[in-house]
Amino acid sequence: MEFNGFMTAALDEARAAAARGEVPVGAVLVSPEGRIVARAGNRTRELSDPTAHAEILVIRARCAELGSERLTGHDLYVTLEPCAMCATAISAARIRRLYYGASDPKSGGVEHGARVFTHSQCHHVPEVYEGIAAREAAELLRDFFLQKR
């Protein structure tokens, strides 16, 4: 699967999250060998867990599978700019590269808000690539919230 295919898979997870009534954010984790090894959409409502963001779910799944808290060499594709909690988890897991779609001026923690990766306390800073399929990701979110209002 190619670069754009990984974000397409994350968008599929976001659509599935929306169908479950969750905020449509999806993530896929790609191994150093270039395979999707974990995928998830938000499940905060379903699990009654405010930490069940798509990014956290894929990190937890892969760490459990590997029996390690580190995901060195892995790349994360997520449809929305990670919040401060997720950015901190990405750093702690030592994710190699972060690719995200839509920016999140309200709750983002990478480009906006806390800007976690710029803090001196941040132990690891992944390579960050923003704006990947941003239009599609933003449309999913906009449509979801329009239906809720």
C-alpha atoms as a PDB file:
ATOM      1  CA  MET A   1       0.000   0.000   0.000  1.00  0.00           C
ATOM      2  CA  GLU A   2       1.311   3.426  -0.833  1.00  0.00           C
ATOM      3  CA  PHE A   3       1.476   6.669   1.125  1.00  0.00           C
ATOM      4  CA  ASN A   4      -1.985   7.899   0.018  1.00  0.00           C
ATOM      5  CA  GLY A   5      -3.444   4.456   0.667  1.00  0.00           C
ATOM      6  CA  PHE A   6      -2.521   4.708   4.319  1.00  0.00           C
ATOM      7  CA  MET A   7      -4.459   7.950   4.713  1.00  0.00           C
ATOM      8  CA  THR A   8      -7.332   6.416   2.753  1.00  0.00           C
ATOM      9  CA  ALA A   9      -7.397   3.601   5.318  1.00  0.00           C
ATOM     10  CA  ALA A  10      -7.434   6.182   8.143  1.00  0.00           C
ATOM     11  CA  LEU A  11     -10.337   7.971   6.436  1.00  0.00           C
ATOM     12  CA  ASP A  12     -12.193   4.637   6.249  1.00  0.00           C
ATOM     13  CA  GLU A  13     -11.747   4.287  10.014  1.00  0.00           C
ATOM     14  CA  ALA A  14     -13.051   7.849  10.503  1.00  0.00           C
ATOM     15  CA  ARG A  15     -16.154   7.046   8.444  1.00  0.00           C
ATOM     16  CA  ALA A  16     -16.752   3.910  10.513  1.00  0.00           C
ATOM     17  CA  ALA A  17     -16.420   5.984  13.698  1.00  0.00           C
ATOM     18  CA  ALA A  18     -19.032   8.443  12.396  1.00  0.00           C
ATOM     19  CA  ALA A  19     -21.375   5.554  11.612  1.00  0.00           C
ATOM     20  CA  ARG A  20     -21.067   4.503  15.277  1.00  0.00           C
ATOM     21  CA  GLY A  21     -21.909   8.052  16.403  1.00  0.00           C
ATOM     22  CA  GLU A  22     -18.313   8.856  17.335  1.00  0.00           C
ATOM     23  CA  VAL A  23     -16.422  11.962  16.273  1.00  0.00           C
ATOM     24  CA  PRO A  24     -15.019  10.872  12.887  1.00  0.00           C
ATOM     25  CA  VAL A  25     -11.311  10.533  13.498  1.00  0.00           C
ATOM     26  CA  GLY A  26      -9.424   7.535  12.183  1.00  0.00           C
ATOM     27  CA  ALA A  27      -5.857   6.316  12.500  1.00  0.00           C
ATOM     28  CA  VAL A  28      -3.640   3.608  11.097  1.00  0.00           C
ATOM     29  CA  LEU A  29      -0.229   2.568  12.330  1.00  0.00           C
ATOM     30  CA  VAL A  30       2.303   1.414   9.756  1.00  0.00           C
ATOM     31  CA  SER A  31       5.206  -0.888  10.632  1.00  0.00           C
ATOM     32  CA  PRO A  32       8.801  -0.198   9.622  1.00  0.00           C
ATOM     33  CA  GLU A  33       8.225  -2.775   6.853  1.00  0.00           C
ATOM     34  CA  GLY A  34       5.371  -0.681   5.423  1.00  0.00           C
ATOM     35  CA  ARG A  35       2.348  -2.731   6.557  1.00  0.00           C
ATOM     36  CA  ILE A  36      -0.712  -1.486   8.424  1.00  0.00           C
ATOM     37  CA  VAL A  37      -0.406  -3.190  11.810  1.00  0.00           C
ATOM     38  CA  ALA A  38      -3.190  -1.398  13.705  1.00  0.00           C
ATOM     39  CA  ARG A  39      -6.252   0.603  12.739  1.00  0.00           C
ATOM     40  CA  ALA A  40      -8.963   2.327  14.737  1.00  0.00           C
ATOM     41  CA  GLY A  41     -11.494   5.093  14.854  1.00  0.00           C
ATOM     42  CA  ASN A  42     -12.535   7.059  17.910  1.00  0.00           C
ATOM     43  CA  ARG A  43     -14.425   4.989  20.515  1.00  0.00           C
ATOM     44  CA  THR A  44     -14.770   7.431  23.420  1.00  0.00           C
ATOM     45  CA  ARG A  45     -18.557   7.126  23.640  1.00  0.00           C
ATOM     46  CA  GLU A  46     -18.725   3.405  22.968  1.00  0.00           C
ATOM     47  CA  LEU A  47     -16.111   2.599  25.625  1.00  0.00           C
ATOM     48  CA  SER A  48     -17.070   5.444  28.000  1.00  0.00           C
ATOM     49  CA  ASP A  49     -13.389   6.339  27.933  1.00  0.00           C
ATOM     50  CA  PRO A  50     -12.192   9.881  27.241  1.00  0.00           C
ATOM     51  CA  THR A  51      -8.779   8.499  26.262  1.00  0.00           C
ATOM     52  CA  ALA A  52     -10.150   6.189  23.534  1.00  0.00           C
ATOM     53  CA  HIS A  53      -8.999   8.423  20.692  1.00  0.00           C
ATOM     54  CA  ALA A  54      -8.048   6.663  17.456  1.00  0.00           C
ATOM     55  CA  GLU A  55      -4.333   7.401  17.956  1.00  0.00           C
ATOM     56  CA  ILE A  56      -4.282   6.011  21.490  1.00  0.00           C
ATOM     57  CA  LEU A  57      -6.141   2.879  20.409  1.00  0.00           C
ATOM     58  CA  VAL A  58      -3.669   2.010  17.642  1.00  0.00           C
ATOM     59  CA  ILE A  59      -0.690   2.722  19.875  1.00  0.00           C
ATOM     60  CA  ARG A  60      -2.119   0.511  22.641  1.00  0.00           C
ATOM     61  CA  ALA A  61      -2.908  -2.313  20.222  1.00  0.00           C
ATOM     62  CA  ARG A  62       0.545  -2.419  18.654  1.00  0.00           C
ATOM     63  CA  CYS A  63       2.417  -2.000  21.941  1.00  0.00           C
ATOM     64  CA  ALA A  64       0.424  -4.909  23.392  1.00  0.00           C
ATOM     65  CA  GLU A  65       1.160  -7.023  20.318  1.00  0.00           C
ATOM     66  CA  LEU A  66       4.899  -6.297  20.504  1.00  0.00           C
ATOM     67  CA  GLY A  67       5.107  -6.403  24.305  1.00  0.00           C
ATOM     68  CA  SER A  68       6.884  -3.041  24.255  1.00  0.00           C
ATOM     69  CA  GLU A  69       6.049   0.553  25.063  1.00  0.00           C
ATOM     70  CA  ARG A  70       8.169   1.747  22.125  1.00  0.00           C
ATOM     71  CA  LEU A  71       7.150   1.788  18.479  1.00  0.00           C
ATOM     72  CA  THR A  72      10.437   2.883  16.972  1.00  0.00           C
ATOM     73  CA  GLY A  73      10.282   3.006  13.192  1.00  0.00           C
ATOM     74  CA  HIS A  74       6.476   3.063  13.025  1.00  0.00           C
ATOM     75  CA  ASP A  75       4.511   5.747  11.171  1.00  0.00           C
ATOM     76  CA  LEU A  76       1.104   7.037  12.252  1.00  0.00           C
ATOM     77  CA  TYR A  77      -1.534   8.339   9.848  1.00  0.00           C
ATOM     78  CA  VAL A  78      -4.440  10.176  11.465  1.00  0.00           C
ATOM     79  CA  THR A  79      -7.224  12.203   9.905  1.00  0.00           C
ATOM     80  CA  LEU A  80      -7.111  15.083  12.414  1.00  0.00           C
ATOM     81  CA  GLU A  81      -4.273  16.936  14.106  1.00  0.00           C
ATOM     82  CA  PRO A  82      -3.653  15.034  17.350  1.00  0.00           C
ATOM     83  CA  CYS A  83      -4.693  16.655  20.618  1.00  0.00           C
ATOM     84  CA  ALA A  84      -2.134  17.263  23.380  1.00  0.00           C
ATOM     85  CA  MET A  85      -2.880  13.881  25.002  1.00  0.00           C
ATOM     86  CA  CYS A  86      -2.341  12.000  21.736  1.00  0.00           C
ATOM     87  CA  ALA A  87       0.744  14.023  20.792  1.00  0.00           C
ATOM     88  CA  THR A  88       2.275  13.149  24.155  1.00  0.00           C
ATOM     89  CA  ALA A  89       1.506   9.457  23.607  1.00  0.00           C
ATOM     90  CA  ILE A  90       3.025   9.646  20.115  1.00  0.00           C
ATOM     91  CA  SER A  91       6.201  11.079  21.601  1.00  0.00           C
ATOM     92  CA  ALA A  92       6.319   8.534  24.446  1.00  0.00           C
ATOM     93  CA  ALA A  93       5.860   5.670  21.958  1.00  0.00           C
ATOM     94  CA  ARG A  94       8.720   7.045  19.847  1.00  0.00           C
ATOM     95  CA  ILE A  95       6.649   7.083  16.645  1.00  0.00           C
ATOM     96  CA  ARG A  96       8.983   7.857  13.722  1.00  0.00           C
ATOM     97  CA  ARG A  97       6.633   9.899  11.523  1.00  0.00           C
ATOM     98  CA  LEU A  98       3.230  11.494  12.043  1.00  0.00           C
ATOM     99  CA  TYR A  99       1.042  12.248   9.037  1.00  0.00           C
ATOM    100  CA  TYR A 100      -2.231  14.044   9.677  1.00  0.00           C
ATOM    101  CA  GLY A 101      -5.076  15.459   7.645  1.00  0.00           C
ATOM    102  CA  ALA A 102      -7.139  18.361   8.946  1.00  0.00           C
ATOM    103  CA  SER A 103      -5.694  20.934  11.325  1.00  0.00           C
ATOM    104  CA  ASP A 104      -7.489  21.449  14.625  1.00  0.00           C
ATOM    105  CA  PRO A 105      -7.202  25.074  15.785  1.00  0.00           C
ATOM    106  CA  LYS A 106      -9.562  24.375  18.707  1.00  0.00           C
ATOM    107  CA  SER A 107      -8.064  21.235  20.238  1.00  0.00           C
ATOM    108  CA  GLY A 108      -4.896  20.409  18.325  1.00  0.00           C
ATOM    109  CA  GLY A 109      -1.680  19.752  20.185  1.00  0.00           C
ATOM    110  CA  VAL A 110       0.865  19.731  17.363  1.00  0.00           C
ATOM    111  CA  GLU A 111       0.495  22.832  15.182  1.00  0.00           C
ATOM    112  CA  HIS A 112      -1.975  24.546  17.532  1.00  0.00           C
ATOM    113  CA  GLY A 113      -2.605  24.785  21.265  1.00  0.00           C
ATOM    114  CA  ALA A 114      -0.049  23.018  23.438  1.00  0.00           C
ATOM    115  CA  ARG A 115       2.382  22.339  20.561  1.00  0.00           C
ATOM    116  CA  VAL A 116       3.663  19.352  22.504  1.00  0.00           C
ATOM    117  CA  PHE A 117       6.614  18.593  20.249  1.00  0.00           C
ATOM    118  CA  THR A 118       8.155  22.050  20.818  1.00  0.00           C
ATOM    119  CA  HIS A 119       8.437  21.675  24.615  1.00  0.00           C
ATOM    120  CA  SER A 120      11.793  20.987  26.231  1.00  0.00           C
ATOM    121  CA  GLN A 121      10.115  18.185  28.227  1.00  0.00           C
ATOM    122  CA  CYS A 122       9.278  16.337  25.009  1.00  0.00           C
ATOM    123  CA  HIS A 123      11.657  13.364  24.855  1.00  0.00           C
ATOM    124  CA  HIS A 124      11.067  12.456  21.218  1.00  0.00           C
ATOM    125  CA  VAL A 125       9.857  14.522  18.274  1.00  0.00           C
ATOM    126  CA  PRO A 126       8.535  12.626  15.252  1.00  0.00           C
ATOM    127  CA  GLU A 127       8.799  13.938  11.739  1.00  0.00           C
ATOM    128  CA  VAL A 128       5.457  15.692  11.143  1.00  0.00           C
ATOM    129  CA  TYR A 129       3.633  16.018   7.822  1.00  0.00           C
ATOM    130  CA  GLU A 130       0.332  17.871   7.928  1.00  0.00           C
ATOM    131  CA  GLY A 131      -2.428  18.481   5.415  1.00  0.00           C
ATOM    132  CA  ILE A 132      -2.571  14.943   3.976  1.00  0.00           C
ATOM    133  CA  ALA A 133      -6.124  14.525   2.576  1.00  0.00           C
ATOM    134  CA  ALA A 134      -7.061  17.534   4.707  1.00  0.00           C
ATOM    135  CA  ARG A 135     -10.108  18.450   2.622  1.00  0.00           C
ATOM    136  CA  GLU A 136     -11.701  14.994   2.948  1.00  0.00           C
ATOM    137  CA  ALA A 137     -10.947  14.807   6.658  1.00  0.00           C
ATOM    138  CA  ALA A 138     -12.356  18.280   7.313  1.00  0.00           C
ATOM    139  CA  GLU A 139     -15.508  17.480   5.313  1.00  0.00           C
ATOM    140  CA  LEU A 140     -16.136  14.350   7.393  1.00  0.00           C
ATOM    141  CA  LEU A 141     -15.906  16.383  10.589  1.00  0.00           C
ATOM    142  CA  ARG A 142     -17.992  19.273   9.250  1.00  0.00           C
ATOM    143  CA  ASP A 143     -20.749  16.958   8.007  1.00  0.00           C
ATOM    144  CA  PHE A 144     -20.774  15.019  11.290  1.00  0.00           C
ATOM    145  CA  PHE A 145     -21.204  18.143  13.411  1.00  0.00           C
ATOM    146  CA  LEU A 146     -23.789  19.664  11.044  1.00  0.00           C
ATOM    147  CA  GLN A 147     -25.941  16.532  11.542  1.00  0.00           C
ATOM    148  CA  LYS A 148     -25.563  16.854  15.332  1.00  0.00           C
ATOM    149  CA  ARG A 149     -26.831  20.435  15.428  1.00  0.00           C
END
